[in-house]
Amino acid sequence: IPKPPLVAHKIFDDLRRLGGGRVAHDDHINIMYTLANYHLYSELFALYDDTALFGLQITCSHLSLMLQATNGLGHHALRLLNDACFCYPLQDLISYSDELLSKLDRTVLTVFPQAISDWIKLKPDVVKGLTPPTLQLLLSVFVECGQWNTG
C-alpha cells in the first residue's frame, strides 16, 4: 500500500505535468493537507503557488491550511499575508495575520524586517487589532534589526 506522501507526490507530479488542467478545490486542499502533515514544505508551497494553474483561486481554506506550515514556510509569510488580504474580511484578516505572525520563528522575522515593516505601514487597520504579544514580538525584532521607525 503506498504511503500518503508518495500518493500526494504522484498526484502533484501528474497535475504539474498536465498543467492548466482543472482540479477540484477539495482535492487540491487534501493533497496540500497531506504534504503539510508530512512536512514536505517545498512541495506544499509549489502546489500553493500553482493554485491558479489548476483553475482555482486561493481561498480561506488554503490560507488556513498554510498556517500549519509556518515554520517550514516562514520565508513566504509576506506572500501569505498579502493573499489573505484578498480572502478575508478585516476582522478575520486581523486574526489570521496575528496568528501567522505570532507563529513565526524570530529568525524568520529577522530575515525580512524591512519587508514586514513595509507591509505593516500599509495595513494600519490590521496592526491595530494585533494582540500585545504579537506586537511585542514585532517591536523587538524591529529594534534588533534597526527597523524601529515602522510608522
N, C-alpha and C. Protein backbone atom coordinates (compact mmCIF):
# COMPACT_ATOMS: atom_id res chain seq x y z
N ILE A 1 0.86 -1.18 0.00
CA ILE A 1 0.00 0.00 0.00
C ILE A 1 0.90 1.23 0.00
N PRO A 2 0.73 2.14 -0.98
CA PRO A 2 1.58 3.34 -1.00
C PRO A 2 1.32 4.24 0.20
N LYS A 3 2.36 4.88 0.69
CA LYS A 3 2.22 5.80 1.81
C LYS A 3 1.63 7.12 1.32
N PRO A 4 0.85 7.81 2.18
CA PRO A 4 0.20 9.06 1.76
C PRO A 4 1.10 10.08 1.09
N PRO A 5 2.33 10.34 1.61
CA PRO A 5 3.13 11.36 0.93
C PRO A 5 3.53 10.93 -0.48
N LEU A 6 3.71 9.62 -0.69
CA LEU A 6 4.06 9.14 -2.03
C LEU A 6 2.89 9.34 -2.98
N VAL A 7 1.70 9.07 -2.49
CA VAL A 7 0.50 9.28 -3.30
C VAL A 7 0.36 10.77 -3.62
N ALA A 8 0.55 11.62 -2.61
CA ALA A 8 0.45 13.07 -2.83
C ALA A 8 1.48 13.52 -3.86
N HIS A 9 2.71 12.99 -3.75
CA HIS A 9 3.76 13.33 -4.71
C HIS A 9 3.34 12.93 -6.13
N LYS A 10 2.79 11.73 -6.26
CA LYS A 10 2.39 11.23 -7.58
C LYS A 10 1.30 12.11 -8.16
N ILE A 11 0.30 12.42 -7.36
CA ILE A 11 -0.80 13.26 -7.84
C ILE A 11 -0.26 14.65 -8.20
N PHE A 12 0.59 15.19 -7.33
CA PHE A 12 1.17 16.50 -7.58
C PHE A 12 1.94 16.51 -8.90
N ASP A 13 2.77 15.49 -9.10
CA ASP A 13 3.54 15.40 -10.35
C ASP A 13 2.63 15.30 -11.56
N ASP A 14 1.58 14.49 -11.45
CA ASP A 14 0.63 14.34 -12.55
C ASP A 14 -0.05 15.67 -12.86
N LEU A 15 -0.44 16.39 -11.83
CA LEU A 15 -1.11 17.67 -12.02
C LEU A 15 -0.18 18.67 -12.70
N ARG A 16 1.06 18.70 -12.27
CA ARG A 16 2.03 19.64 -12.86
C ARG A 16 2.30 19.30 -14.32
N ARG A 17 2.36 18.00 -14.60
CA ARG A 17 2.62 17.57 -15.96
C ARG A 17 1.45 17.97 -16.87
N LEU A 18 0.24 17.83 -16.37
CA LEU A 18 -0.94 18.20 -17.14
C LEU A 18 -0.96 19.71 -17.38
N GLY A 19 -0.50 20.47 -16.38
CA GLY A 19 -0.53 21.93 -16.47
C GLY A 19 -1.94 22.41 -16.79
N GLY A 20 -2.35 23.49 -16.38
CA GLY A 20 -3.63 24.06 -16.77
C GLY A 20 -4.85 23.16 -16.63
N GLY A 21 -4.70 21.92 -16.19
CA GLY A 21 -5.86 21.06 -16.01
C GLY A 21 -6.68 21.48 -14.82
N ARG A 22 -7.97 21.28 -14.88
CA ARG A 22 -8.81 21.67 -13.76
C ARG A 22 -8.73 20.62 -12.65
N VAL A 23 -8.70 21.10 -11.44
CA VAL A 23 -8.62 20.25 -10.26
C VAL A 23 -9.72 20.69 -9.31
N ALA A 24 -10.38 19.74 -8.67
CA ALA A 24 -11.41 20.09 -7.70
C ALA A 24 -10.76 20.76 -6.49
N HIS A 25 -11.44 21.77 -5.97
CA HIS A 25 -10.93 22.52 -4.82
C HIS A 25 -10.60 21.57 -3.66
N ASP A 26 -11.53 20.67 -3.34
CA ASP A 26 -11.32 19.75 -2.21
C ASP A 26 -10.12 18.83 -2.43
N ASP A 27 -9.93 18.38 -3.67
CA ASP A 27 -8.77 17.53 -3.96
C ASP A 27 -7.47 18.31 -3.77
N HIS A 28 -7.48 19.53 -4.22
CA HIS A 28 -6.30 20.39 -4.08
C HIS A 28 -5.96 20.58 -2.59
N ILE A 29 -6.97 20.89 -1.80
CA ILE A 29 -6.77 21.08 -0.35
C ILE A 29 -6.28 19.78 0.29
N ASN A 30 -6.87 18.65 -0.09
CA ASN A 30 -6.47 17.36 0.52
C ASN A 30 -5.03 17.01 0.21
N ILE A 31 -4.59 17.27 -1.02
CA ILE A 31 -3.19 17.00 -1.37
C ILE A 31 -2.28 17.92 -0.55
N MET A 32 -2.65 19.19 -0.46
CA MET A 32 -1.84 20.13 0.32
C MET A 32 -1.80 19.72 1.79
N TYR A 33 -2.93 19.27 2.32
CA TYR A 33 -3.01 18.83 3.72
C TYR A 33 -2.04 17.67 3.97
N THR A 34 -2.01 16.72 3.04
CA THR A 34 -1.10 15.58 3.18
C THR A 34 0.35 16.04 3.18
N LEU A 35 0.68 16.93 2.24
CA LEU A 35 2.05 17.44 2.16
C LEU A 35 2.43 18.17 3.45
N ALA A 36 1.50 18.96 4.00
CA ALA A 36 1.77 19.68 5.25
C ALA A 36 1.99 18.72 6.41
N ASN A 37 1.15 17.70 6.49
CA ASN A 37 1.26 16.74 7.59
C ASN A 37 2.59 15.98 7.58
N TYR A 38 3.14 15.81 6.39
CA TYR A 38 4.41 15.11 6.27
C TYR A 38 5.60 16.07 6.12
N HIS A 39 5.35 17.34 6.41
CA HIS A 39 6.40 18.37 6.43
C HIS A 39 7.14 18.49 5.10
N LEU A 40 6.43 18.27 4.01
CA LEU A 40 7.00 18.41 2.68
C LEU A 40 6.73 19.83 2.20
N TYR A 41 7.42 20.78 2.84
CA TYR A 41 7.08 22.20 2.68
C TYR A 41 7.37 22.77 1.29
N SER A 42 8.46 22.35 0.67
CA SER A 42 8.74 22.91 -0.65
C SER A 42 7.68 22.47 -1.65
N GLU A 43 7.25 21.20 -1.58
CA GLU A 43 6.20 20.71 -2.46
C GLU A 43 4.87 21.40 -2.13
N LEU A 44 4.63 21.60 -0.84
CA LEU A 44 3.39 22.26 -0.40
C LEU A 44 3.31 23.67 -0.98
N PHE A 45 4.39 24.42 -0.86
CA PHE A 45 4.32 25.79 -1.36
C PHE A 45 4.27 25.82 -2.88
N ALA A 46 4.92 24.86 -3.54
CA ALA A 46 4.84 24.79 -5.00
C ALA A 46 3.39 24.55 -5.43
N LEU A 47 2.70 23.67 -4.72
CA LEU A 47 1.30 23.40 -5.06
C LEU A 47 0.43 24.62 -4.76
N TYR A 48 0.72 25.29 -3.65
CA TYR A 48 0.00 26.53 -3.32
C TYR A 48 0.25 27.57 -4.41
N ASP A 49 1.49 27.68 -4.82
CA ASP A 49 1.87 28.66 -5.83
C ASP A 49 1.20 28.39 -7.18
N ASP A 50 0.93 27.11 -7.47
CA ASP A 50 0.31 26.73 -8.74
C ASP A 50 -1.21 26.69 -8.69
N THR A 51 -1.80 27.22 -7.64
CA THR A 51 -3.26 27.17 -7.49
C THR A 51 -3.97 27.69 -8.74
N ALA A 52 -3.56 28.82 -9.24
CA ALA A 52 -4.21 29.40 -10.42
C ALA A 52 -4.00 28.52 -11.66
N LEU A 53 -2.84 27.88 -11.74
CA LEU A 53 -2.55 27.00 -12.87
C LEU A 53 -3.59 25.88 -12.96
N PHE A 54 -4.10 25.45 -11.81
CA PHE A 54 -5.07 24.37 -11.78
C PHE A 54 -6.51 24.87 -11.90
N GLY A 55 -6.67 26.14 -12.24
CA GLY A 55 -8.01 26.69 -12.43
C GLY A 55 -8.72 27.03 -11.14
N LEU A 56 -7.96 27.23 -10.07
CA LEU A 56 -8.55 27.53 -8.76
C LEU A 56 -8.10 28.90 -8.29
N GLN A 57 -8.85 29.43 -7.31
CA GLN A 57 -8.44 30.66 -6.65
C GLN A 57 -8.00 30.32 -5.23
N ILE A 58 -7.06 31.09 -4.70
CA ILE A 58 -6.65 30.91 -3.31
C ILE A 58 -7.83 31.32 -2.43
N THR A 59 -8.14 30.47 -1.48
CA THR A 59 -9.29 30.71 -0.60
C THR A 59 -8.84 30.71 0.86
N CYS A 60 -9.78 31.00 1.73
CA CYS A 60 -9.51 30.95 3.17
C CYS A 60 -9.05 29.55 3.58
N SER A 61 -9.58 28.51 2.93
CA SER A 61 -9.18 27.13 3.24
C SER A 61 -7.69 26.93 2.97
N HIS A 62 -7.22 27.45 1.84
CA HIS A 62 -5.80 27.35 1.53
C HIS A 62 -4.96 28.06 2.59
N LEU A 63 -5.35 29.28 2.90
CA LEU A 63 -4.57 30.09 3.84
C LEU A 63 -4.58 29.49 5.23
N SER A 64 -5.72 28.96 5.65
CA SER A 64 -5.81 28.33 6.95
C SER A 64 -4.88 27.12 7.02
N LEU A 65 -4.87 26.33 5.97
CA LEU A 65 -4.00 25.17 5.93
C LEU A 65 -2.53 25.58 5.99
N MET A 66 -2.19 26.67 5.33
CA MET A 66 -0.80 27.11 5.30
C MET A 66 -0.29 27.52 6.69
N LEU A 67 -1.20 27.87 7.60
CA LEU A 67 -0.77 28.21 8.96
C LEU A 67 -0.09 27.02 9.64
N GLN A 68 -0.46 25.81 9.23
CA GLN A 68 0.16 24.62 9.83
C GLN A 68 1.64 24.55 9.51
N ALA A 69 2.04 25.18 8.43
CA ALA A 69 3.40 25.03 7.94
C ALA A 69 4.24 26.29 8.10
N THR A 70 3.87 27.17 9.03
CA THR A 70 4.56 28.45 9.11
C THR A 70 6.05 28.32 9.39
N ASN A 71 6.44 27.34 10.18
CA ASN A 71 7.87 27.21 10.45
C ASN A 71 8.63 26.77 9.21
N GLY A 72 8.00 25.93 8.41
CA GLY A 72 8.65 25.49 7.18
C GLY A 72 8.55 26.51 6.07
N LEU A 73 7.55 27.38 6.15
CA LEU A 73 7.30 28.33 5.07
C LEU A 73 7.45 29.77 5.52
N GLY A 74 8.14 29.97 6.62
CA GLY A 74 8.24 31.31 7.17
C GLY A 74 8.69 32.35 6.19
N HIS A 75 9.61 31.99 5.30
CA HIS A 75 10.11 32.98 4.34
C HIS A 75 9.05 33.36 3.32
N HIS A 76 7.90 32.66 3.32
CA HIS A 76 6.80 33.02 2.43
C HIS A 76 5.70 33.78 3.18
N ALA A 77 5.99 34.19 4.40
CA ALA A 77 4.96 34.81 5.24
C ALA A 77 4.32 36.03 4.57
N LEU A 78 5.12 36.86 3.94
CA LEU A 78 4.55 38.06 3.31
C LEU A 78 3.60 37.69 2.18
N ARG A 79 3.93 36.64 1.45
CA ARG A 79 3.03 36.19 0.39
C ARG A 79 1.70 35.77 0.99
N LEU A 80 1.75 35.03 2.09
CA LEU A 80 0.51 34.57 2.74
C LEU A 80 -0.28 35.76 3.28
N LEU A 81 0.40 36.72 3.89
CA LEU A 81 -0.29 37.91 4.41
C LEU A 81 -0.96 38.68 3.27
N ASN A 82 -0.26 38.83 2.17
CA ASN A 82 -0.84 39.56 1.03
C ASN A 82 -2.02 38.80 0.44
N ASP A 83 -1.90 37.47 0.30
CA ASP A 83 -3.02 36.68 -0.23
C ASP A 83 -4.22 36.76 0.70
N ALA A 84 -3.95 36.77 2.00
CA ALA A 84 -5.05 36.83 2.99
C ALA A 84 -5.86 38.12 2.84
N CYS A 85 -5.19 39.20 2.43
CA CYS A 85 -5.89 40.48 2.25
C CYS A 85 -7.01 40.38 1.21
N PHE A 86 -6.88 39.45 0.27
CA PHE A 86 -7.88 39.30 -0.78
C PHE A 86 -8.97 38.28 -0.43
N CYS A 87 -8.75 37.52 0.65
CA CYS A 87 -9.68 36.45 1.00
C CYS A 87 -10.54 36.75 2.23
N TYR A 88 -9.98 37.45 3.19
CA TYR A 88 -10.66 37.62 4.47
C TYR A 88 -11.22 39.03 4.64
N PRO A 89 -12.40 39.13 5.28
CA PRO A 89 -12.84 40.46 5.72
C PRO A 89 -11.91 40.94 6.85
N LEU A 90 -11.97 42.22 7.19
CA LEU A 90 -11.00 42.83 8.09
C LEU A 90 -10.80 42.06 9.40
N GLN A 91 -11.87 41.73 10.12
CA GLN A 91 -11.71 41.05 11.42
C GLN A 91 -11.00 39.72 11.27
N ASP A 92 -11.37 38.95 10.25
CA ASP A 92 -10.73 37.66 10.03
C ASP A 92 -9.30 37.84 9.55
N LEU A 93 -9.05 38.89 8.78
CA LEU A 93 -7.69 39.19 8.33
C LEU A 93 -6.80 39.52 9.53
N ILE A 94 -7.34 40.28 10.47
CA ILE A 94 -6.59 40.61 11.69
C ILE A 94 -6.24 39.33 12.44
N SER A 95 -7.21 38.44 12.61
CA SER A 95 -6.98 37.18 13.33
C SER A 95 -5.94 36.33 12.62
N TYR A 96 -6.08 36.23 11.30
CA TYR A 96 -5.14 35.42 10.52
C TYR A 96 -3.73 36.00 10.61
N SER A 97 -3.61 37.30 10.42
CA SER A 97 -2.31 37.96 10.46
C SER A 97 -1.66 37.78 11.83
N ASP A 98 -2.46 37.95 12.87
CA ASP A 98 -1.93 37.80 14.23
C ASP A 98 -1.43 36.38 14.45
N GLU A 99 -2.22 35.40 14.03
CA GLU A 99 -1.82 34.01 14.23
C GLU A 99 -0.56 33.69 13.43
N LEU A 100 -0.53 34.13 12.18
CA LEU A 100 0.64 33.85 11.34
C LEU A 100 1.90 34.50 11.91
N LEU A 101 1.82 35.79 12.23
CA LEU A 101 3.00 36.50 12.74
C LEU A 101 3.45 35.94 14.08
N SER A 102 2.51 35.57 14.94
CA SER A 102 2.89 35.06 16.26
C SER A 102 3.52 33.67 16.18
N LYS A 103 3.19 32.91 15.13
CA LYS A 103 3.75 31.57 14.98
C LYS A 103 5.14 31.56 14.35
N LEU A 104 5.50 32.66 13.69
CA LEU A 104 6.78 32.68 13.00
C LEU A 104 7.94 32.71 13.99
N ASP A 105 8.94 31.99 13.67
CA ASP A 105 10.16 31.97 14.46
C ASP A 105 10.84 33.34 14.36
N ARG A 106 11.45 33.78 15.43
CA ARG A 106 12.15 35.09 15.42
C ARG A 106 13.16 35.18 14.28
N THR A 107 13.86 34.07 14.03
CA THR A 107 14.89 34.11 12.99
C THR A 107 14.27 34.36 11.62
N VAL A 108 13.05 33.86 11.40
CA VAL A 108 12.36 34.12 10.14
C VAL A 108 12.03 35.60 10.04
N LEU A 109 11.53 36.17 11.12
CA LEU A 109 11.17 37.59 11.12
C LEU A 109 12.39 38.49 10.90
N THR A 110 13.54 38.07 11.39
CA THR A 110 14.72 38.92 11.25
C THR A 110 15.33 38.86 9.84
N VAL A 111 14.90 37.91 9.03
CA VAL A 111 15.42 37.81 7.67
C VAL A 111 14.82 38.90 6.78
N PHE A 112 13.54 39.22 7.01
CA PHE A 112 12.86 40.20 6.16
C PHE A 112 12.24 41.34 6.95
N PRO A 113 12.98 41.97 7.85
CA PRO A 113 12.36 43.00 8.69
C PRO A 113 11.83 44.19 7.88
N GLN A 114 12.56 44.60 6.84
CA GLN A 114 12.13 45.75 6.05
C GLN A 114 10.81 45.45 5.32
N ALA A 115 10.71 44.26 4.74
CA ALA A 115 9.50 43.89 4.02
C ALA A 115 8.31 43.80 4.97
N ILE A 116 8.52 43.24 6.15
CA ILE A 116 7.42 43.14 7.12
C ILE A 116 7.05 44.54 7.62
N SER A 117 8.04 45.36 7.85
CA SER A 117 7.81 46.74 8.27
C SER A 117 6.99 47.49 7.21
N ASP A 118 7.34 47.30 5.94
CA ASP A 118 6.60 47.95 4.84
C ASP A 118 5.16 47.47 4.79
N TRP A 119 4.94 46.16 4.99
CA TRP A 119 3.58 45.61 4.98
C TRP A 119 2.75 46.24 6.11
N ILE A 120 3.37 46.35 7.28
CA ILE A 120 2.67 46.92 8.44
C ILE A 120 2.27 48.37 8.17
N LYS A 121 3.15 49.13 7.54
CA LYS A 121 2.83 50.53 7.23
C LYS A 121 1.62 50.65 6.32
N LEU A 122 1.43 49.67 5.46
CA LEU A 122 0.31 49.69 4.52
C LEU A 122 -0.98 49.16 5.14
N LYS A 123 -0.91 48.54 6.31
CA LYS A 123 -2.08 47.90 6.92
C LYS A 123 -2.34 48.40 8.34
N PRO A 124 -2.51 49.70 8.55
CA PRO A 124 -2.69 50.19 9.92
C PRO A 124 -3.93 49.60 10.60
N ASP A 125 -5.00 49.33 9.84
CA ASP A 125 -6.20 48.75 10.44
C ASP A 125 -5.95 47.35 10.98
N VAL A 126 -5.10 46.61 10.30
CA VAL A 126 -4.77 45.26 10.76
C VAL A 126 -3.89 45.35 12.00
N VAL A 127 -2.90 46.22 11.96
CA VAL A 127 -1.96 46.34 13.07
C VAL A 127 -2.68 46.73 14.36
N LYS A 128 -3.70 47.59 14.25
CA LYS A 128 -4.45 48.00 15.45
C LYS A 128 -5.08 46.81 16.16
N GLY A 129 -5.37 45.74 15.42
CA GLY A 129 -6.03 44.59 16.02
C GLY A 129 -5.11 43.48 16.49
N LEU A 130 -3.82 43.60 16.21
CA LEU A 130 -2.88 42.55 16.63
C LEU A 130 -2.80 42.49 18.15
N THR A 131 -2.60 41.31 18.67
CA THR A 131 -2.54 41.13 20.12
C THR A 131 -1.22 41.68 20.67
N PRO A 132 -1.20 42.09 21.95
CA PRO A 132 0.02 42.62 22.55
C PRO A 132 1.25 41.71 22.41
N PRO A 133 1.13 40.37 22.59
CA PRO A 133 2.33 39.55 22.42
C PRO A 133 2.89 39.61 20.99
N THR A 134 2.01 39.66 20.00
CA THR A 134 2.48 39.74 18.60
C THR A 134 3.13 41.08 18.35
N LEU A 135 2.52 42.15 18.83
CA LEU A 135 3.10 43.48 18.67
C LEU A 135 4.46 43.56 19.36
N GLN A 136 4.56 42.98 20.55
CA GLN A 136 5.83 42.98 21.30
C GLN A 136 6.91 42.22 20.53
N LEU A 137 6.52 41.08 19.94
CA LEU A 137 7.46 40.29 19.14
C LEU A 137 7.96 41.11 17.95
N LEU A 138 7.04 41.74 17.23
CA LEU A 138 7.42 42.54 16.07
C LEU A 138 8.30 43.71 16.48
N LEU A 139 7.92 44.38 17.55
CA LEU A 139 8.69 45.53 18.02
C LEU A 139 10.12 45.12 18.38
N SER A 140 10.26 44.01 19.10
CA SER A 140 11.60 43.57 19.49
C SER A 140 12.43 43.18 18.26
N VAL A 141 11.80 42.58 17.25
CA VAL A 141 12.52 42.23 16.02
C VAL A 141 12.96 43.49 15.29
N PHE A 142 12.06 44.50 15.22
CA PHE A 142 12.40 45.73 14.51
C PHE A 142 13.54 46.47 15.22
N VAL A 143 13.50 46.49 16.53
CA VAL A 143 14.58 47.12 17.30
C VAL A 143 15.90 46.40 17.02
N GLU A 144 15.85 45.07 17.09
CA GLU A 144 17.03 44.26 16.86
C GLU A 144 17.62 44.45 15.46
N CYS A 145 16.74 44.66 14.48
CA CYS A 145 17.20 44.76 13.08
C CYS A 145 17.33 46.20 12.59
N GLY A 146 17.16 47.17 13.50
CA GLY A 146 17.29 48.56 13.09
C GLY A 146 16.11 49.07 12.28
N GLN A 147 14.95 48.45 12.42
CA GLN A 147 13.74 48.88 11.69
C GLN A 147 12.75 49.51 12.68
N TRP A 148 13.26 50.23 13.64
CA TRP A 148 12.42 50.80 14.70
C TRP A 148 11.33 51.70 14.16
N ASN A 149 11.64 52.57 13.19
CA ASN A 149 10.68 53.54 12.69
C ASN A 149 9.68 52.89 11.73
N THR A 150 8.65 52.22 12.28
CA THR A 150 7.68 51.50 11.45
C THR A 150 6.44 52.31 11.18
N GLY A 151 6.43 53.55 11.62
CA GLY A 151 5.26 54.39 11.35
C GLY A 151 4.25 54.08 12.36
